[in-house]
Amino acid sequence: MSKRWWIGLAAGAMLLGAALWFLLRTLPEGVDPTWERIVATGEWRVCTDPSWPPFEFVDEETGQMVGFDLDLARLLTERLTPGLRLRLVTVGFDGLYDALLAGRCDAVLSALPYEELRVEDVSYSVAYFNAGLVLLTRWDEADIGELKDVRDRVVGVEWGFVPEGDPRQKEFLRNLELRRYDTAEAALDALRNGEVDAAIVDHITALTYLGAHDGLRLVGEPIYDVNYVIPVRPESFRLLQEINRVLLEMRRDGTLEMLQERWF
């Protein structure tokens, strides 16, 4: 091949390289098609199954969907971007993920716990509620301030209770003196009546019970986490970023705590 041919080839490669460099510099770092559509239409669609009070259910008097998650969805809508409208999409619980992946909605807000096995299919927000196991005792029981303080005490639990947490915590829970009851509420009744020194139940049952009865208090941090989160499609990275921004704001300013107090 001639020297001129090689020179032409080199020049062409240089031009191609320059064009690619220019293209890469002018392209956006990444485009979230979901967020682009939300901004363009002024509407974001949220899938929910209104059958899990107090998180989402239909008010029998008004026929409207209400609950913790519905309030959260509306507050998120107000803070995500100015003038945004919320459109709720009702879906049966078993079909929520399918509806999201099929594009029927942009996010799911329906008391869904984080599931590690789904992280290849969806992206999850930070947690907005922890439904895991918690420890309760009576207000007059000053010696119990954390989990380790119930060693050698009688602890009420529901039948079927399975210790959860890290290995050391699970071993500690196995060695407690457990007294089992038909329901978590019955275990809390036993605590109020002085039959046991403490009780371990799920956070939802605990908050619901505390809202209706006096004399008991939550102790320490949750023993085991079951975090409720908001899934979006993996390509919806900007939407996820904005949801996380607002949820973290809500943690700091007390909004999530206010919703918890309102619905429990």
Protein backbone atom coordinates (compact mmCIF):
# COMPACT_ATOMS: atom_id res chain seq x y z
CA MET A 1 0.00 0.00 0.00
CA SER A 2 1.20 3.53 -0.81
CA LYS A 3 2.43 6.05 1.72
CA ARG A 4 -0.43 8.36 0.67
CA TRP A 5 -2.96 5.65 1.60
CA TRP A 6 -1.51 5.32 5.10
CA ILE A 7 -1.51 9.09 5.56
CA GLY A 8 -5.17 9.24 4.50
CA LEU A 9 -6.08 6.43 6.89
CA ALA A 10 -4.36 8.17 9.79
CA ALA A 11 -6.08 11.46 8.97
CA GLY A 12 -9.46 9.73 8.83
CA ALA A 13 -8.86 8.11 12.20
CA MET A 14 -7.94 11.47 13.69
CA LEU A 15 -11.10 13.05 12.31
CA LEU A 16 -13.21 10.18 13.62
CA GLY A 17 -11.59 10.48 17.04
CA ALA A 18 -12.21 14.23 17.12
CA ALA A 19 -15.85 13.72 16.15
CA LEU A 20 -16.36 11.12 18.88
CA TRP A 21 -14.68 13.41 21.43
CA PHE A 22 -16.96 16.28 20.46
CA LEU A 23 -20.05 14.04 20.57
CA LEU A 24 -19.20 12.68 24.00
CA ARG A 25 -18.63 16.21 25.35
CA THR A 26 -21.97 17.46 24.04
CA LEU A 27 -24.11 14.47 25.08
CA PRO A 28 -25.79 14.65 28.50
CA GLU A 29 -24.24 12.48 31.22
CA GLY A 30 -27.43 10.42 31.32
CA VAL A 31 -31.09 10.80 30.55
CA ASP A 32 -33.79 9.35 32.74
CA PRO A 33 -36.76 8.85 30.38
CA THR A 34 -39.17 8.51 33.30
CA TRP A 35 -38.15 11.81 34.85
CA GLU A 36 -38.16 13.52 31.43
CA ARG A 37 -41.76 12.39 30.85
CA ILE A 38 -42.82 13.40 34.38
CA VAL A 39 -41.41 16.90 33.92
CA ALA A 40 -42.88 17.22 30.40
CA THR A 41 -46.40 16.07 31.35
CA GLY A 42 -46.49 17.41 34.91
CA GLU A 43 -47.80 14.07 36.17
CA TRP A 44 -46.31 11.08 37.93
CA ARG A 45 -48.09 7.79 38.28
CA VAL A 46 -47.95 5.73 41.46
CA CYS A 47 -49.20 2.15 41.76
CA THR A 48 -50.82 1.05 45.02
CA ASP A 49 -53.04 -1.71 46.38
CA PRO A 50 -55.57 -0.12 48.79
CA SER A 51 -56.08 -3.17 50.96
CA TRP A 52 -53.56 -2.79 53.80
CA PRO A 53 -54.73 -0.36 56.49
CA PRO A 54 -53.48 1.91 57.86
CA PHE A 55 -51.05 2.27 54.94
CA GLU A 56 -53.59 2.25 52.13
CA PHE A 57 -57.31 1.47 52.17
CA VAL A 58 -60.64 2.75 50.88
CA ASP A 59 -62.64 4.93 53.27
CA GLU A 60 -66.12 3.37 53.42
CA GLU A 61 -67.83 6.73 53.92
CA THR A 62 -66.12 8.72 51.17
CA GLY A 63 -65.04 5.95 48.81
CA GLN A 64 -61.62 7.61 48.62
CA MET A 65 -58.26 5.91 49.03
CA VAL A 66 -56.58 7.05 52.25
CA GLY A 67 -53.76 6.00 54.54
CA PHE A 68 -50.13 6.55 55.48
CA ASP A 69 -48.81 5.75 51.99
CA LEU A 70 -51.44 7.87 50.26
CA ASP A 71 -50.54 10.89 52.41
CA LEU A 72 -46.88 10.21 51.73
CA ALA A 73 -47.52 10.02 47.98
CA ARG A 74 -49.28 13.39 48.03
CA LEU A 75 -46.55 15.05 50.09
CA LEU A 76 -43.88 13.58 47.80
CA THR A 77 -45.75 14.98 44.81
CA GLU A 78 -45.72 18.48 46.32
CA ARG A 79 -41.96 18.36 46.93
CA LEU A 80 -40.65 16.52 43.88
CA THR A 81 -41.12 19.41 41.46
CA PRO A 82 -43.43 22.47 41.38
CA GLY A 83 -46.90 21.95 39.94
CA LEU A 84 -46.64 18.16 39.75
CA ARG A 85 -49.88 16.13 39.72
CA LEU A 86 -50.30 12.70 41.28
CA ARG A 87 -52.17 9.93 39.47
CA LEU A 88 -52.87 6.83 41.56
CA VAL A 89 -53.03 3.52 39.70
CA THR A 90 -54.86 0.77 41.60
CA VAL A 91 -53.24 -2.66 41.20
CA GLY A 92 -53.64 -5.93 43.12
CA PHE A 93 -50.74 -6.59 45.47
CA ASP A 94 -49.37 -9.55 43.50
CA GLY A 95 -49.27 -7.44 40.35
CA LEU A 96 -47.51 -4.33 41.66
CA TYR A 97 -44.03 -5.18 40.38
CA ASP A 98 -45.37 -6.36 37.02
CA ALA A 99 -47.31 -3.11 36.62
CA LEU A 100 -44.18 -1.08 37.37
CA LEU A 101 -41.98 -3.01 34.93
CA ALA A 102 -44.68 -2.84 32.24
CA GLY A 103 -44.69 0.96 32.52
CA ARG A 104 -48.20 1.36 33.97
CA CYS A 105 -46.73 3.54 36.71
CA ASP A 106 -43.48 5.32 37.56
CA ALA A 107 -43.16 4.05 41.14
CA VAL A 108 -44.91 1.80 43.65
CA LEU A 109 -45.97 3.07 47.06
CA SER A 110 -47.81 0.28 48.82
CA ALA A 111 -46.06 -0.88 52.02
CA LEU A 112 -43.53 -2.93 50.06
CA PRO A 113 -40.53 -4.26 52.00
CA TYR A 114 -37.03 -4.21 50.54
CA GLU A 115 -36.33 -7.49 48.72
CA GLU A 116 -32.69 -8.26 47.94
CA LEU A 117 -33.67 -10.80 45.27
CA ARG A 118 -35.34 -8.06 43.19
CA VAL A 119 -32.46 -5.56 43.00
CA GLU A 120 -31.58 -6.64 39.46
CA ASP A 121 -35.10 -5.79 38.27
CA VAL A 122 -35.88 -2.63 40.26
CA SER A 123 -34.13 0.11 42.21
CA TYR A 124 -35.25 0.88 45.75
CA SER A 125 -35.52 4.17 47.61
CA VAL A 126 -34.26 4.74 51.11
CA ALA A 127 -36.62 3.39 53.78
CA TYR A 128 -39.60 5.45 54.89
CA PHE A 129 -40.92 3.06 57.57
CA ASN A 130 -39.45 0.17 59.56
CA ALA A 131 -42.00 -2.59 60.17
CA GLY A 132 -39.54 -4.93 61.90
CA LEU A 133 -39.55 -6.41 65.40
CA VAL A 134 -39.53 -4.08 68.40
CA LEU A 135 -39.28 -4.48 72.15
CA LEU A 136 -41.85 -3.03 74.54
CA THR A 137 -42.16 -2.86 78.30
CA ARG A 138 -44.32 -1.02 80.84
CA TRP A 139 -43.76 2.63 81.66
CA ASP A 140 -43.03 1.71 85.28
CA GLU A 141 -40.34 -0.83 84.30
CA ALA A 142 -37.30 1.42 84.67
CA ASP A 143 -34.69 -1.36 84.50
CA ILE A 144 -35.34 -2.19 80.83
CA GLY A 145 -33.75 0.26 78.41
CA GLU A 146 -32.49 -2.01 75.63
CA LEU A 147 -32.60 -5.61 74.46
CA LYS A 148 -29.81 -6.90 76.70
CA ASP A 149 -31.78 -5.79 79.76
CA VAL A 150 -34.39 -8.54 79.26
CA ARG A 151 -31.90 -11.30 80.01
CA ASP A 152 -33.38 -13.51 82.74
CA ARG A 153 -36.76 -11.77 82.25
CA VAL A 154 -40.01 -13.26 80.89
CA VAL A 155 -40.75 -11.97 77.38
CA GLY A 156 -44.12 -12.36 75.65
CA VAL A 157 -44.19 -13.23 71.93
CA GLU A 158 -46.68 -14.52 69.39
CA TRP A 159 -46.79 -18.22 68.51
CA GLY A 160 -44.57 -18.79 65.49
CA PHE A 161 -42.06 -16.17 66.65
CA VAL A 162 -38.71 -16.80 64.96
CA PRO A 163 -35.61 -14.93 66.22
CA GLU A 164 -34.22 -12.58 63.55
CA GLY A 165 -31.14 -10.39 63.25
CA ASP A 166 -27.40 -11.03 63.21
CA PRO A 167 -26.13 -14.40 64.54
CA ARG A 168 -25.26 -13.10 68.04
CA GLN A 169 -28.63 -11.39 68.36
CA LYS A 170 -30.48 -14.51 67.20
CA GLU A 171 -28.60 -16.59 69.76
CA PHE A 172 -29.48 -14.09 72.50
CA LEU A 173 -33.16 -14.18 71.55
CA ARG A 174 -33.22 -18.00 71.54
CA ASN A 175 -31.96 -18.01 75.12
CA LEU A 176 -34.64 -15.68 76.45
CA GLU A 177 -37.43 -17.01 78.63
CA LEU A 178 -40.23 -16.69 76.08
CA ARG A 179 -43.93 -17.02 76.85
CA ARG A 180 -46.01 -17.53 73.73
CA TYR A 181 -49.50 -16.19 73.01
CA ASP A 182 -52.02 -16.73 70.23
CA THR A 183 -51.54 -13.22 68.83
CA ALA A 184 -49.13 -10.31 69.15
CA GLU A 185 -51.95 -8.27 70.71
CA ALA A 186 -52.43 -10.98 73.35
CA ALA A 187 -48.73 -10.77 74.19
CA LEU A 188 -49.10 -7.02 74.69
CA ASP A 189 -52.20 -7.54 76.84
CA ALA A 190 -50.14 -9.90 78.98
CA LEU A 191 -47.46 -7.23 79.31
CA ARG A 192 -50.00 -4.62 80.46
CA ASN A 193 -51.42 -7.11 82.97
CA GLY A 194 -47.98 -7.88 84.44
CA GLU A 195 -47.80 -11.50 83.23
CA VAL A 196 -44.50 -10.81 81.42
CA ASP A 197 -41.73 -8.22 81.80
CA ALA A 198 -41.49 -7.28 78.12
CA ALA A 199 -42.88 -8.23 74.72
CA ILE A 200 -41.46 -8.52 71.21
CA VAL A 201 -43.89 -7.81 68.35
CA ASP A 202 -43.80 -6.21 64.91
CA HIS A 203 -43.65 -2.42 64.76
CA ILE A 204 -47.06 -2.01 63.10
CA THR A 205 -48.81 -4.01 65.82
CA ALA A 206 -46.87 -2.10 68.48
CA LEU A 207 -47.83 1.34 67.15
CA THR A 208 -51.46 0.35 66.63
CA TYR A 209 -51.66 -1.01 70.17
CA LEU A 210 -49.93 2.03 71.70
CA GLY A 211 -52.43 4.25 69.93
CA ALA A 212 -55.30 2.50 71.72
CA HIS A 213 -53.79 1.66 75.13
CA ASP A 214 -51.77 3.43 77.81
CA GLY A 215 -49.06 2.05 80.04
CA LEU A 216 -46.55 0.65 77.55
CA ARG A 217 -43.50 2.11 75.79
CA LEU A 218 -41.11 1.17 73.01
CA VAL A 219 -37.58 0.27 74.08
CA GLY A 220 -34.42 1.02 72.08
CA GLU A 221 -33.98 0.49 68.35
CA PRO A 222 -35.82 -2.14 66.27
CA ILE A 223 -34.49 -5.63 66.88
CA TYR A 224 -34.85 -6.61 63.24
CA ASP A 225 -35.44 -4.37 60.22
CA VAL A 226 -38.25 -4.77 57.69
CA ASN A 227 -37.87 -1.57 55.70
CA TYR A 228 -40.73 -0.27 53.56
CA VAL A 229 -39.35 1.31 50.39
CA ILE A 230 -40.43 2.75 47.03
CA PRO A 231 -39.34 0.74 43.96
CA VAL A 232 -38.78 2.32 40.54
CA ARG A 233 -37.45 0.93 37.27
CA PRO A 234 -33.62 0.77 37.08
CA GLU A 235 -33.42 3.42 34.34
CA SER A 236 -35.39 5.89 36.50
CA PHE A 237 -32.23 7.05 38.28
CA ARG A 238 -33.13 10.74 38.38
CA LEU A 239 -36.62 10.01 39.74
CA LEU A 240 -35.05 7.81 42.41
CA GLN A 241 -32.58 10.57 43.28
CA GLU A 242 -35.43 13.05 43.74
CA ILE A 243 -37.54 10.61 45.79
CA ASN A 244 -34.57 9.95 48.08
CA ARG A 245 -33.91 13.67 48.42
CA VAL A 246 -37.47 14.30 49.58
CA LEU A 247 -37.61 11.27 51.90
CA LEU A 248 -34.40 12.35 53.62
CA GLU A 249 -35.85 15.84 54.01
CA MET A 250 -38.96 14.28 55.55
CA ARG A 251 -36.84 12.36 58.03
CA ARG A 252 -35.05 15.53 59.10
CA ASP A 253 -38.08 17.80 59.34
CA GLY A 254 -40.30 15.29 61.17
CA THR A 255 -42.79 14.67 58.35
CA LEU A 256 -42.41 10.87 58.48
CA GLU A 257 -42.85 10.93 62.26
CA MET A 258 -45.93 13.11 61.84
CA LEU A 259 -47.46 10.60 59.40
CA GLN A 260 -46.71 7.79 61.81
CA GLU A 261 -48.46 9.62 64.63
CA ARG A 262 -51.44 10.47 62.38
CA TRP A 263 -52.10 6.91 61.22
CA PHE A 264 -51.20 4.99 64.37
